[in-house]
Amino acid sequence: MLSFFQRFLSFDRLIGPMLVRLVYYVGLAVITFGAIGVLFAALMSIFTGNFPQGIVQLIMAPLVAAVGLLYWRFVCELFMLAFRGYERLGQVRDLMRIAAGQAPPSEADPNHPSF
């Protein structure tokens, strides 16, 4: 538990990718439960006598949910790209230091404060 708090308080690793995954799963659950709710509303419409509206809802609910899930995945992947790009740039920086003959950042200055 202590390592979690140390990782949370330090900025050595970003917690953004973990948060994006969490938000993705919450959104996935919301879209799924919303689609199930619309399907129940469609069945209620059919049984209460509004047959055309119920049929349209039965057809459109899965289609709209599928498009919503696809769009939600795309939006979350865009956020993940930003975090992965940041991590990749850090790797490129370290490789450039090694190629230039400089010490890796962990050995550069022992008195340098870490944030």
C-alpha atoms as a PDB file:
ATOM      1  CA  MET A   1       0.000   0.000   0.000  1.00  0.00           C
ATOM      2  CA  LEU A   2       2.911   2.305   0.695  1.00  0.00           C
ATOM      3  CA  SER A   3       4.253   1.868  -2.838  1.00  0.00           C
ATOM      4  CA  PHE A   4       0.882   2.979  -4.236  1.00  0.00           C
ATOM      5  CA  PHE A   5       1.048   6.224  -2.257  1.00  0.00           C
ATOM      6  CA  GLN A   6       4.674   6.769  -3.228  1.00  0.00           C
ATOM      7  CA  ARG A   7       3.777   6.270  -6.880  1.00  0.00           C
ATOM      8  CA  PHE A   8       0.765   8.556  -6.493  1.00  0.00           C
ATOM      9  CA  LEU A   9       2.753  11.360  -4.881  1.00  0.00           C
ATOM     10  CA  SER A  10       5.737  11.156  -7.233  1.00  0.00           C
ATOM     11  CA  PHE A  11       5.610  12.024 -10.910  1.00  0.00           C
ATOM     12  CA  ASP A  12       7.940   9.237 -12.074  1.00  0.00           C
ATOM     13  CA  ARG A  13       5.082   7.382 -13.734  1.00  0.00           C
ATOM     14  CA  LEU A  14       1.875   8.862 -15.041  1.00  0.00           C
ATOM     15  CA  ILE A  15      -1.415   7.599 -13.640  1.00  0.00           C
ATOM     16  CA  GLY A  16      -3.322   8.871 -16.669  1.00  0.00           C
ATOM     17  CA  PRO A  17      -3.366   5.563 -18.586  1.00  0.00           C
ATOM     18  CA  MET A  18      -4.828   3.811 -15.549  1.00  0.00           C
ATOM     19  CA  LEU A  19      -7.492   6.513 -15.226  1.00  0.00           C
ATOM     20  CA  VAL A  20      -8.330   6.315 -18.933  1.00  0.00           C
ATOM     21  CA  ARG A  21      -8.886   2.561 -18.588  1.00  0.00           C
ATOM     22  CA  LEU A  22     -11.113   3.136 -15.566  1.00  0.00           C
ATOM     23  CA  VAL A  23     -13.154   5.795 -17.377  1.00  0.00           C
ATOM     24  CA  TYR A  24     -13.401   3.500 -20.415  1.00  0.00           C
ATOM     25  CA  TYR A  25     -14.879   0.650 -18.375  1.00  0.00           C
ATOM     26  CA  VAL A  26     -17.321   2.977 -16.608  1.00  0.00           C
ATOM     27  CA  GLY A  27     -18.447   4.384 -19.976  1.00  0.00           C
ATOM     28  CA  LEU A  28     -18.751   0.878 -21.365  1.00  0.00           C
ATOM     29  CA  ALA A  29     -21.055  -0.078 -18.497  1.00  0.00           C
ATOM     30  CA  VAL A  30     -23.144   3.095 -18.910  1.00  0.00           C
ATOM     31  CA  ILE A  31     -23.606   2.519 -22.654  1.00  0.00           C
ATOM     32  CA  THR A  32     -24.502  -1.142 -22.109  1.00  0.00           C
ATOM     33  CA  PHE A  33     -27.029  -0.430 -19.349  1.00  0.00           C
ATOM     34  CA  GLY A  34     -28.483   2.407 -21.427  1.00  0.00           C
ATOM     35  CA  ALA A  35     -29.012   0.065 -24.370  1.00  0.00           C
ATOM     36  CA  ILE A  36     -30.641  -2.520 -22.119  1.00  0.00           C
ATOM     37  CA  GLY A  37     -32.902   0.189 -20.695  1.00  0.00           C
ATOM     38  CA  VAL A  38     -33.968   1.279 -24.187  1.00  0.00           C
ATOM     39  CA  LEU A  39     -34.712  -2.339 -25.109  1.00  0.00           C
ATOM     40  CA  PHE A  40     -36.982  -2.660 -22.055  1.00  0.00           C
ATOM     41  CA  ALA A  41     -38.653   0.631 -22.999  1.00  0.00           C
ATOM     42  CA  ALA A  42     -39.203  -0.752 -26.498  1.00  0.00           C
ATOM     43  CA  LEU A  43     -40.887  -3.841 -25.096  1.00  0.00           C
ATOM     44  CA  MET A  44     -43.047  -1.642 -22.878  1.00  0.00           C
ATOM     45  CA  SER A  45     -44.035   0.442 -25.921  1.00  0.00           C
ATOM     46  CA  ILE A  46     -45.010  -2.662 -27.850  1.00  0.00           C
ATOM     47  CA  PHE A  47     -47.084  -4.072 -24.973  1.00  0.00           C
ATOM     48  CA  THR A  48     -48.839  -0.758 -24.291  1.00  0.00           C
ATOM     49  CA  GLY A  49     -50.010  -0.452 -27.862  1.00  0.00           C
ATOM     50  CA  ASN A  50     -47.441   1.811 -29.535  1.00  0.00           C
ATOM     51  CA  PHE A  51     -46.228  -0.915 -31.880  1.00  0.00           C
ATOM     52  CA  PRO A  52     -44.335   1.178 -34.506  1.00  0.00           C
ATOM     53  CA  GLN A  53     -42.318   3.092 -31.917  1.00  0.00           C
ATOM     54  CA  GLY A  54     -41.431  -0.139 -30.106  1.00  0.00           C
ATOM     55  CA  ILE A  55     -40.219  -1.812 -33.300  1.00  0.00           C
ATOM     56  CA  VAL A  56     -38.067   1.197 -34.214  1.00  0.00           C
ATOM     57  CA  GLN A  57     -36.563   1.210 -30.727  1.00  0.00           C
ATOM     58  CA  LEU A  58     -35.885  -2.536 -30.895  1.00  0.00           C
ATOM     59  CA  ILE A  59     -34.028  -2.072 -34.179  1.00  0.00           C
ATOM     60  CA  MET A  60     -32.179   1.130 -33.341  1.00  0.00           C
ATOM     61  CA  ALA A  61     -31.085   0.445 -29.748  1.00  0.00           C
ATOM     62  CA  PRO A  62     -28.446  -2.189 -30.620  1.00  0.00           C
ATOM     63  CA  LEU A  63     -27.242  -0.149 -33.603  1.00  0.00           C
ATOM     64  CA  VAL A  64     -26.863   3.063 -31.611  1.00  0.00           C
ATOM     65  CA  ALA A  65     -25.181   1.161 -28.772  1.00  0.00           C
ATOM     66  CA  ALA A  66     -22.683  -0.410 -31.192  1.00  0.00           C
ATOM     67  CA  VAL A  67     -21.827   2.974 -32.709  1.00  0.00           C
ATOM     68  CA  GLY A  68     -21.599   4.501 -29.234  1.00  0.00           C
ATOM     69  CA  LEU A  69     -19.217   1.769 -28.062  1.00  0.00           C
ATOM     70  CA  LEU A  70     -17.051   2.232 -31.136  1.00  0.00           C
ATOM     71  CA  TYR A  71     -16.932   5.995 -30.686  1.00  0.00           C
ATOM     72  CA  TRP A  72     -16.202   5.667 -26.948  1.00  0.00           C
ATOM     73  CA  ARG A  73     -13.299   3.306 -27.675  1.00  0.00           C
ATOM     74  CA  PHE A  74     -11.922   5.759 -30.249  1.00  0.00           C
ATOM     75  CA  VAL A  75     -12.071   8.707 -27.833  1.00  0.00           C
ATOM     76  CA  CYS A  76     -10.343   6.739 -25.073  1.00  0.00           C
ATOM     77  CA  GLU A  77      -7.635   5.595 -27.515  1.00  0.00           C
ATOM     78  CA  LEU A  78      -6.962   9.232 -28.409  1.00  0.00           C
ATOM     79  CA  PHE A  79      -6.261   9.993 -24.755  1.00  0.00           C
ATOM     80  CA  MET A  80      -4.042   6.902 -24.496  1.00  0.00           C
ATOM     81  CA  LEU A  81      -2.061   8.088 -27.530  1.00  0.00           C
ATOM     82  CA  ALA A  82      -1.190  11.295 -25.728  1.00  0.00           C
ATOM     83  CA  PHE A  83       0.156   9.427 -22.691  1.00  0.00           C
ATOM     84  CA  ARG A  84       2.032   6.864 -24.774  1.00  0.00           C
ATOM     85  CA  GLY A  85       3.564   9.622 -26.871  1.00  0.00           C
ATOM     86  CA  TYR A  86       4.854  11.271 -23.716  1.00  0.00           C
ATOM     87  CA  GLU A  87       6.395   7.994 -22.525  1.00  0.00           C
ATOM     88  CA  ARG A  88       7.947   7.369 -25.944  1.00  0.00           C
ATOM     89  CA  LEU A  89       9.486  10.837 -25.992  1.00  0.00           C
ATOM     90  CA  GLY A  90      11.131  10.080 -22.644  1.00  0.00           C
ATOM     91  CA  GLN A  91      12.632   6.914 -24.122  1.00  0.00           C
ATOM     92  CA  VAL A  92      13.893   8.848 -27.147  1.00  0.00           C
ATOM     93  CA  ARG A  93      15.464  11.447 -24.853  1.00  0.00           C
ATOM     94  CA  ASP A  94      17.282   8.750 -22.900  1.00  0.00           C
ATOM     95  CA  LEU A  95      18.509   7.069 -26.088  1.00  0.00           C
ATOM     96  CA  MET A  96      19.764  10.409 -27.426  1.00  0.00           C
ATOM     97  CA  ARG A  97      21.729  10.960 -24.220  1.00  0.00           C
ATOM     98  CA  ILE A  98      23.300   7.531 -24.517  1.00  0.00           C
ATOM     99  CA  ALA A  99      24.116   8.113 -28.203  1.00  0.00           C
ATOM    100  CA  ALA A 100      25.760  11.445 -27.344  1.00  0.00           C
ATOM    101  CA  GLY A 101      27.922   9.753 -24.718  1.00  0.00           C
ATOM    102  CA  GLN A 102      26.257  11.384 -21.750  1.00  0.00           C
ATOM    103  CA  ALA A 103      25.348   9.552 -18.601  1.00  0.00           C
ATOM    104  CA  PRO A 104      21.797   8.222 -18.276  1.00  0.00           C
ATOM    105  CA  PRO A 105      19.516  10.560 -16.320  1.00  0.00           C
ATOM    106  CA  SER A 106      19.599   8.393 -13.185  1.00  0.00           C
ATOM    107  CA  GLU A 107      23.407   8.783 -13.015  1.00  0.00           C
ATOM    108  CA  ALA A 108      23.615  12.385 -14.208  1.00  0.00           C
ATOM    109  CA  ASP A 109      23.555  14.248 -10.884  1.00  0.00           C
ATOM    110  CA  PRO A 110      22.926  12.517  -7.532  1.00  0.00           C
ATOM    111  CA  ASN A 111      22.096  15.864  -5.903  1.00  0.00           C
ATOM    112  CA  HIS A 112      19.423  16.753  -8.454  1.00  0.00           C
ATOM    113  CA  PRO A 113      15.994  16.850  -6.778  1.00  0.00           C
ATOM    114  CA  SER A 114      13.335  14.575  -8.225  1.00  0.00           C
ATOM    115  CA  PHE A 115       9.784  15.798  -8.521  1.00  0.00           C
END
